[in-house]
N, C-alpha and C. Protein backbone atom coordinates (compact mmCIF):
# COMPACT_ATOMS: atom_id res chain seq x y z
N MET A 1 76.90 88.44 112.65
CA MET A 1 77.89 89.83 112.61
C MET A 1 78.94 90.08 112.49
N GLN A 2 79.19 91.32 112.20
CA GLN A 2 80.34 91.79 111.47
C GLN A 2 81.91 91.89 111.99
N TYR A 3 82.75 91.98 110.79
CA TYR A 3 84.37 91.43 111.96
C TYR A 3 85.73 92.82 110.90
N LEU A 4 86.47 93.17 111.59
CA LEU A 4 87.14 93.77 111.01
C LEU A 4 88.29 92.87 111.05
N VAL A 5 88.90 92.49 109.85
CA VAL A 5 90.00 91.72 110.02
C VAL A 5 91.53 92.42 109.14
N SER A 6 92.31 93.12 110.01
CA SER A 6 93.65 93.32 109.62
C SER A 6 94.78 92.82 109.10
N VAL A 7 95.12 93.31 108.15
CA VAL A 7 96.55 93.04 107.38
C VAL A 7 97.12 94.01 108.19
N ILE A 8 98.34 92.86 108.70
CA ILE A 8 99.33 93.72 109.71
C ILE A 8 101.02 93.37 108.53
N ASP A 9 101.53 94.32 108.00
CA ASP A 9 102.75 93.97 107.61
C ASP A 9 103.56 95.14 108.20
N ASP A 10 104.69 94.38 107.77
CA ASP A 10 106.51 94.99 108.16
C ASP A 10 107.41 95.30 107.40
N THR A 11 107.06 95.15 106.45
CA THR A 11 107.89 94.88 105.24
C THR A 11 107.05 96.87 104.01
N GLY A 12 105.87 97.25 104.13
CA GLY A 12 106.02 97.69 103.71
C GLY A 12 106.31 97.23 101.75
N ASP A 13 105.74 96.29 101.58
CA ASP A 13 106.13 95.54 100.21
C ASP A 13 104.72 95.61 100.17
N LEU A 14 104.01 96.02 98.34
CA LEU A 14 103.01 95.29 97.49
C LEU A 14 102.68 93.73 97.52
N ALA A 15 102.04 93.47 97.14
CA ALA A 15 101.83 91.59 97.15
C ALA A 15 102.69 91.44 96.24
N ALA A 16 102.91 90.34 96.21
CA ALA A 16 103.37 90.02 94.96
C ALA A 16 102.50 89.81 93.94
N PRO A 17 102.68 89.24 92.70
CA PRO A 17 101.72 88.83 91.80
C PRO A 17 101.01 87.54 92.01
N GLU A 18 101.92 86.62 92.65
CA GLU A 18 100.94 85.31 93.19
C GLU A 18 100.26 85.81 94.70
N GLN A 19 100.90 86.50 94.97
CA GLN A 19 99.80 86.46 96.65
C GLN A 19 98.25 87.37 95.85
N GLN A 20 98.94 88.10 95.34
CA GLN A 20 97.37 88.79 94.63
C GLN A 20 96.72 88.53 93.78
N ALA A 21 96.66 87.73 93.26
CA ALA A 21 95.76 86.37 92.75
C ALA A 21 95.25 85.36 93.77
N ALA A 22 96.44 85.03 94.81
CA ALA A 22 95.88 84.75 96.18
C ALA A 22 94.50 85.49 96.57
N ILE A 23 95.31 86.83 96.74
CA ILE A 23 94.07 87.03 97.74
C ILE A 23 92.69 87.64 96.89
N ASP A 24 92.98 87.65 95.81
CA ASP A 24 91.46 87.67 94.38
C ASP A 24 90.83 86.26 93.96
N ALA A 25 91.55 85.47 94.78
CA ALA A 25 90.77 84.27 95.02
C ALA A 25 89.50 84.35 95.86
N PHE A 26 90.41 84.65 97.34
CA PHE A 26 89.93 84.71 98.47
C PHE A 26 88.77 86.01 98.45
N ASP A 27 88.72 87.27 97.93
CA ASP A 27 87.92 87.95 97.98
C ASP A 27 86.97 87.30 97.11
N ASP A 28 86.42 86.26 95.97
CA ASP A 28 86.00 85.82 95.48
C ASP A 28 85.12 84.42 96.10
N ARG A 29 86.44 83.84 96.72
CA ARG A 29 85.50 83.17 97.84
C ARG A 29 84.51 83.60 98.93
N LEU A 30 84.81 84.77 99.50
CA LEU A 30 84.39 85.87 100.24
C LEU A 30 82.15 86.10 99.82
N LYS A 31 82.76 86.20 98.38
CA LYS A 31 81.76 86.91 98.20
C LYS A 31 80.28 85.88 97.62
N ALA A 32 81.66 84.67 96.69
CA ALA A 32 80.48 83.12 96.62
C ALA A 32 79.79 82.99 98.09
N ASN A 33 80.32 82.86 98.95
CA ASN A 33 79.45 82.86 100.19
C ASN A 33 78.90 83.66 101.48
N GLY A 34 78.64 84.76 100.30
CA GLY A 34 78.10 85.40 101.62
C GLY A 34 78.73 86.07 102.62
N HIS A 35 79.73 86.12 102.96
CA HIS A 35 81.35 86.94 104.18
C HIS A 35 81.44 88.24 103.14
N TRP A 36 81.36 88.58 102.16
CA TRP A 36 82.15 89.61 101.87
C TRP A 36 80.71 90.97 102.00
N VAL A 37 81.40 92.07 102.41
CA VAL A 37 81.53 93.08 102.91
C VAL A 37 82.02 94.12 101.78
N PHE A 38 83.23 94.48 102.01
CA PHE A 38 83.99 95.31 102.34
C PHE A 38 85.01 94.85 102.19
N ALA A 39 86.53 95.32 101.27
CA ALA A 39 87.86 95.28 101.86
C ALA A 39 88.55 96.57 101.14
N GLY A 40 89.78 96.60 101.48
CA GLY A 40 91.09 97.82 100.84
C GLY A 40 91.81 97.37 101.44
N GLY A 41 92.75 97.78 100.61
CA GLY A 41 94.20 97.74 100.62
C GLY A 41 94.80 99.68 101.03
N LEU A 42 96.19 99.72 101.85
CA LEU A 42 96.46 101.27 102.53
C LEU A 42 97.34 101.86 102.18
N THR A 43 97.70 102.32 101.70
CA THR A 43 98.96 102.86 101.35
C THR A 43 100.23 102.92 102.99
N VAL A 44 101.76 103.31 102.59
CA VAL A 44 102.36 102.90 102.81
C VAL A 44 102.20 104.00 104.15
N PRO A 45 102.23 103.91 105.91
CA PRO A 45 102.16 104.99 107.11
C PRO A 45 102.53 106.34 106.60
N GLY A 46 103.80 106.28 106.30
CA GLY A 46 104.15 107.55 105.77
C GLY A 46 103.45 108.85 105.23
N SER A 47 102.51 108.35 104.33
CA SER A 47 101.43 108.89 103.43
C SER A 47 100.56 109.47 105.11
N ALA A 48 100.11 108.97 105.49
CA ALA A 48 99.56 108.95 106.47
C ALA A 48 99.15 110.68 107.22
N THR A 49 98.13 111.55 107.17
CA THR A 49 97.73 112.47 108.31
C THR A 49 96.65 112.15 109.29
N VAL A 50 97.43 113.36 110.29
CA VAL A 50 96.73 112.82 111.76
C VAL A 50 95.67 113.93 111.84
N VAL A 51 94.85 113.99 112.23
CA VAL A 51 93.02 115.35 112.58
C VAL A 51 93.14 115.20 113.65
N ASP A 52 93.82 115.89 114.49
CA ASP A 52 93.11 115.98 116.71
C ASP A 52 92.22 117.91 116.45
N ASN A 53 91.10 117.40 116.31
CA ASN A 53 90.50 118.16 116.26
C ASN A 53 89.05 118.75 117.53
N ARG A 54 90.80 118.16 118.48
CA ARG A 54 90.29 118.42 119.79
C ARG A 54 89.75 119.17 121.16
N GLY A 55 90.53 120.21 120.41
CA GLY A 55 91.15 122.03 121.14
C GLY A 55 90.07 122.56 120.30
N GLU A 56 90.85 123.54 119.97
CA GLU A 56 89.19 125.38 120.07
C GLU A 56 90.15 124.93 118.35
N GLU A 57 91.31 124.14 117.87
CA GLU A 57 91.62 124.84 115.80
C GLU A 57 92.22 123.22 115.75
N ALA A 58 91.80 122.64 114.69
CA ALA A 58 91.77 121.51 114.14
C ALA A 58 93.61 121.35 114.20
N MET A 59 94.35 120.52 114.45
CA MET A 59 95.71 120.18 114.19
C MET A 59 95.94 119.18 112.80
N PHE A 60 96.37 119.38 111.54
CA PHE A 60 96.56 118.18 111.27
C PHE A 60 98.45 118.13 111.05
N THR A 61 98.67 116.62 111.54
CA THR A 61 100.45 116.24 111.29
C THR A 61 100.48 115.10 110.55
N ASP A 62 101.45 115.39 109.88
CA ASP A 62 102.01 114.26 108.74
C ASP A 62 102.78 113.39 109.35
N GLY A 63 102.38 111.66 109.14
CA GLY A 63 102.75 110.66 109.16
C GLY A 63 101.55 109.96 110.32
N PRO A 64 102.23 108.97 110.29
CA PRO A 64 101.40 107.83 110.88
C PRO A 64 100.86 108.65 112.40
N PHE A 65 99.89 107.84 113.00
CA PHE A 65 99.11 108.20 114.71
C PHE A 65 100.68 107.46 115.28
N LEU A 66 101.39 106.22 115.09
CA LEU A 66 102.32 106.14 116.27
C LEU A 66 103.57 105.28 114.70
N GLU A 67 104.93 105.79 115.98
CA GLU A 67 105.64 105.28 115.12
C GLU A 67 105.87 103.34 115.36
N SER A 68 105.77 102.77 114.62
CA SER A 68 105.52 101.31 114.86
C SER A 68 106.17 100.42 113.73
N LYS A 69 107.33 98.93 114.23
CA LYS A 69 107.73 98.75 113.31
C LYS A 69 106.82 97.55 112.46
N GLU A 70 105.35 97.35 112.78
CA GLU A 70 104.39 96.94 112.24
C GLU A 70 103.21 97.62 111.53
N PHE A 71 102.21 97.32 110.86
CA PHE A 71 101.28 98.51 110.56
C PHE A 71 100.07 97.65 109.17
N LEU A 72 99.09 98.30 109.77
CA LEU A 72 97.51 98.14 108.83
C LEU A 72 97.88 97.74 107.25
N VAL A 73 97.98 97.67 106.31
CA VAL A 73 98.41 98.06 105.39
C VAL A 73 96.70 97.20 103.68
N GLY A 74 96.49 96.87 104.59
CA GLY A 74 95.00 96.77 104.90
C GLY A 74 93.54 95.84 105.24
N PHE A 75 92.29 95.74 104.97
CA PHE A 75 91.38 94.85 105.55
C PHE A 75 90.28 94.01 104.26
N TRP A 76 89.59 93.50 105.49
CA TRP A 76 88.10 93.26 104.87
C TRP A 76 87.41 92.87 106.17
N ILE A 77 86.75 94.18 105.63
CA ILE A 77 85.16 93.21 106.59
C ILE A 77 84.34 92.27 106.21
N ILE A 78 83.95 91.26 106.97
CA ILE A 78 83.44 90.20 106.65
C ILE A 78 82.17 90.07 107.52
N GLU A 79 81.33 89.41 107.04
CA GLU A 79 79.79 88.82 108.21
C GLU A 79 80.61 87.48 107.97
N ALA A 80 80.33 87.71 109.39
CA ALA A 80 80.19 85.64 109.97
C ALA A 80 79.16 86.02 110.50
N ASP A 81 78.60 83.94 110.96
CA ASP A 81 77.43 83.90 112.18
C ASP A 81 78.27 84.33 114.08
N ASP A 82 79.67 84.08 113.33
CA ASP A 82 80.64 83.79 114.83
C ASP A 82 81.97 83.87 115.02
N LEU A 83 82.28 83.56 115.77
CA LEU A 83 83.85 84.93 115.87
C LEU A 83 84.25 83.07 115.14
N ASP A 84 84.16 82.38 115.58
CA ASP A 84 84.73 80.42 114.84
C ASP A 84 85.54 81.10 113.54
N VAL A 85 83.76 80.89 113.05
CA VAL A 85 84.00 81.47 111.22
C VAL A 85 84.50 82.15 111.16
N ALA A 86 84.95 83.44 111.90
CA ALA A 86 85.64 84.69 111.91
C ALA A 86 86.43 84.37 111.89
N LEU A 87 87.27 83.78 112.24
CA LEU A 87 88.44 83.37 112.86
C LEU A 87 88.98 82.45 111.15
N LYS A 88 88.17 81.85 110.82
CA LYS A 88 88.60 80.21 110.12
C LYS A 88 88.62 81.22 108.44
N LEU A 89 88.31 82.22 108.41
CA LEU A 89 87.91 83.25 107.13
C LEU A 89 89.05 83.97 106.58
N ALA A 90 89.77 84.69 108.52
CA ALA A 90 90.96 85.20 108.37
C ALA A 90 92.53 84.11 108.01
N ALA A 91 91.97 82.51 108.90
CA ALA A 91 93.06 82.47 108.48
C ALA A 91 93.37 81.22 107.40
N GLU A 92 92.34 81.20 106.21
CA GLU A 92 92.86 82.01 104.88
C GLU A 92 92.84 83.14 104.29
N GLY A 93 92.72 83.96 104.90
CA GLY A 93 93.11 85.64 104.10
C GLY A 93 94.18 85.48 104.52
N SER A 94 94.97 85.19 106.07
CA SER A 94 96.43 85.08 106.11
C SER A 94 97.46 84.76 105.34
N LYS A 95 96.72 82.98 104.47
CA LYS A 95 97.69 82.44 103.89
C LYS A 95 97.60 83.06 102.24
N ALA A 96 96.79 84.01 102.41
CA ALA A 96 95.85 84.32 101.05
C ALA A 96 96.75 85.23 100.91
N CYS A 97 97.92 86.34 101.45
CA CYS A 97 98.50 87.63 101.09
C CYS A 97 99.65 87.21 102.19
N ASP A 98 100.19 86.03 103.02
CA ASP A 98 100.91 85.46 103.46
C ASP A 98 101.83 86.80 104.82
N ARG A 99 100.48 87.47 105.76
CA ARG A 99 100.59 88.14 105.86
C ARG A 99 99.71 88.24 107.43
N LYS A 100 100.52 88.46 108.66
CA LYS A 100 99.14 88.28 109.64
C LYS A 100 98.15 89.34 109.61
N ILE A 101 97.79 88.75 110.85
CA ILE A 101 96.23 88.86 110.03
C ILE A 101 95.24 89.03 112.18
N GLU A 102 94.80 90.49 112.48
CA GLU A 102 94.29 90.69 113.19
C GLU A 102 92.35 90.63 112.78
N VAL A 103 91.92 90.07 113.58
CA VAL A 103 90.33 89.66 114.05
C VAL A 103 89.44 90.99 115.35
N ARG A 104 88.69 91.59 114.99
CA ARG A 104 88.47 92.32 115.78
C ARG A 104 86.51 92.04 115.59
N PRO A 105 85.70 91.92 116.39
CA PRO A 105 84.22 92.43 116.59
C PRO A 105 83.90 93.81 115.47
N PHE A 106 82.84 94.13 115.69
CA PHE A 106 82.19 95.46 115.39
C PHE A 106 81.08 95.19 116.12
N ARG A 107 80.72 96.04 117.08
CA ARG A 107 80.07 95.98 118.55
C ARG A 107 78.73 96.33 117.70
């Protein structure tokens, strides 16, 4: 089963060099153990554009979908046998990047 492991932050600061090294090591372990699917880091919410094409014409709005103190700064998509394995991996990812993590299964 695949899981979205979201990295949540409230500072907007990039990972410090020691955090980035820990993240890279965690990525390597995910790959070596067959859990890696994809991962990526995101820019700050202010660089977002919201696209809404539910009406007659597409509307484009600068800025985040919603204002929040906490926001998504990165993610992993992992492969895990079950939620317990995904949560264990997420705990390791949280330690590596020194940020909160949210875990959600794909349908």
